[in-house]
Protein backbone atom coordinates (compact mmCIF):
# COMPACT_ATOMS: atom_id res chain seq x y z
CA UNK A 1 0.00 0.00 0.00
CA UNK A 2 1.28 3.40 -0.94
CA UNK A 3 -0.12 6.44 0.79
CA UNK A 4 0.72 10.04 1.15
CA UNK A 5 -0.55 13.00 3.10
CA UNK A 6 0.03 16.16 1.13
CA UNK A 7 -0.20 19.70 2.42
CA UNK A 8 0.11 22.80 0.31
CA UNK A 9 0.74 26.14 1.93
CA UNK A 10 -0.29 29.62 0.87
CA UNK A 11 2.48 31.75 -0.58
CA UNK A 12 2.12 34.40 2.11
CA UNK A 13 2.24 32.19 5.18
CA UNK A 14 2.20 28.82 6.79
CA UNK A 15 -1.55 28.21 6.92
CA UNK A 16 -2.42 24.91 5.21
CA UNK A 17 -4.98 25.37 2.43
CA UNK A 18 -5.45 21.86 1.06
CA UNK A 19 -4.80 18.38 2.35
CA UNK A 20 -5.20 14.98 0.78
CA UNK A 21 -4.32 11.36 1.35
CA UNK A 22 -3.62 9.22 -1.69
CA UNK A 23 -3.47 5.44 -1.47
CA UNK A 24 -4.36 2.18 -3.16
CA UNK A 25 -6.66 -0.66 -2.22
CA UNK A 26 -5.25 -4.21 -2.14
CA UNK A 27 -6.51 -4.71 -5.71
CA UNK A 28 -4.84 -1.50 -6.94
CA UNK A 29 -7.78 0.90 -6.96
CA UNK A 30 -6.56 4.47 -6.35
CA UNK A 31 -8.26 6.38 -3.52
CA UNK A 32 -8.01 10.09 -2.77
CA UNK A 33 -9.24 11.37 0.60
CA UNK A 34 -9.88 15.03 1.36
CA UNK A 35 -11.90 16.87 3.98
CA UNK A 36 -14.27 19.81 3.69
CA UNK A 37 -15.70 21.23 6.92
CA UNK A 38 -17.06 18.17 8.75
CA UNK A 39 -17.28 15.85 5.72
CA UNK A 40 -14.73 13.33 4.47
CA UNK A 41 -14.63 13.04 0.68
CA UNK A 42 -13.29 9.85 -0.90
CA UNK A 43 -12.78 9.58 -4.64
CA UNK A 44 -11.92 6.30 -6.29
CA UNK A 45 -11.04 5.23 -9.81
CA UNK A 46 -14.50 3.69 -10.00
CA UNK A 47 -16.71 6.72 -9.75
CA UNK A 48 -18.13 9.80 -8.16
CA UNK A 49 -16.79 11.25 -4.90
CA UNK A 50 -18.43 9.90 -1.74
CA UNK A 51 -19.12 12.31 1.14
CA UNK A 52 -19.71 11.18 4.71
CA UNK A 53 -19.18 12.42 8.26
CA UNK A 54 -17.38 9.15 9.13
CA UNK A 55 -14.20 8.39 7.22
CA UNK A 56 -14.46 4.60 7.31
CA UNK A 57 -17.99 4.71 5.88
CA UNK A 58 -16.90 7.05 3.08
CA UNK A 59 -14.06 4.65 2.25
CA UNK A 60 -16.40 1.64 2.21
CA UNK A 61 -18.93 3.38 -0.05
CA UNK A 62 -16.23 4.49 -2.49
CA UNK A 63 -14.75 0.98 -2.65
CA UNK A 64 -18.18 -0.63 -3.10
CA UNK A 65 -18.47 1.19 -6.40
CA UNK A 66 -15.71 -1.13 -7.66
CA UNK A 67 -17.62 -4.27 -8.60
CA UNK A 68 -14.41 -5.95 -9.77
CA UNK A 69 -12.95 -6.02 -6.27
CA UNK A 70 -15.94 -7.94 -4.98
CA UNK A 71 -15.88 -10.43 -7.85
CA UNK A 72 -12.39 -11.58 -6.82
CA UNK A 73 -13.43 -12.00 -3.18
CA UNK A 74 -11.57 -9.18 -1.45
CA UNK A 75 -12.97 -8.34 1.99
CA UNK A 76 -12.33 -4.70 2.77
CA UNK A 77 -13.83 -4.49 6.28
CA UNK A 78 -10.64 -4.78 8.34
CA UNK A 79 -8.49 -3.05 5.71
CA UNK A 80 -10.84 -0.05 5.64
CA UNK A 81 -10.79 0.31 9.44
CA UNK A 82 -6.97 0.19 9.52
CA UNK A 83 -6.65 2.77 6.75
CA UNK A 84 -9.21 5.07 8.38
CA UNK A 85 -7.31 4.84 11.70
CA UNK A 86 -4.03 5.63 9.91
CA UNK A 87 -5.46 8.63 8.08
CA UNK A 88 -7.11 9.99 11.22
CA UNK A 89 -3.94 9.62 13.27
CA UNK A 90 -1.82 11.49 10.72
CA UNK A 91 -4.35 14.11 9.61
CA UNK A 92 -3.41 17.57 10.86
CA UNK A 93 -5.33 18.66 13.95
CA UNK A 94 -7.97 21.30 13.57
CA UNK A 95 -9.57 19.70 10.51
């Protein structure tokens, strides 16, 4: 699994303006996680962005859009919880 937490800063100061986590599911599906106000937004290769107040539920919904992953028998329950915990623990405070 490859993941990254990216922060861009405004030219005039050190205030973060955008954050995202980029990673891949066990079957290689790319996921991008961002946050707006109190909503987590997860975008996958498979479709439209999913918005939810709970990160793990947003991840699950985004992955469910990938029918191919389910046809090869991948169970994402535990994986999703671990990834959500990792993202939450590394996400900058105040978001």
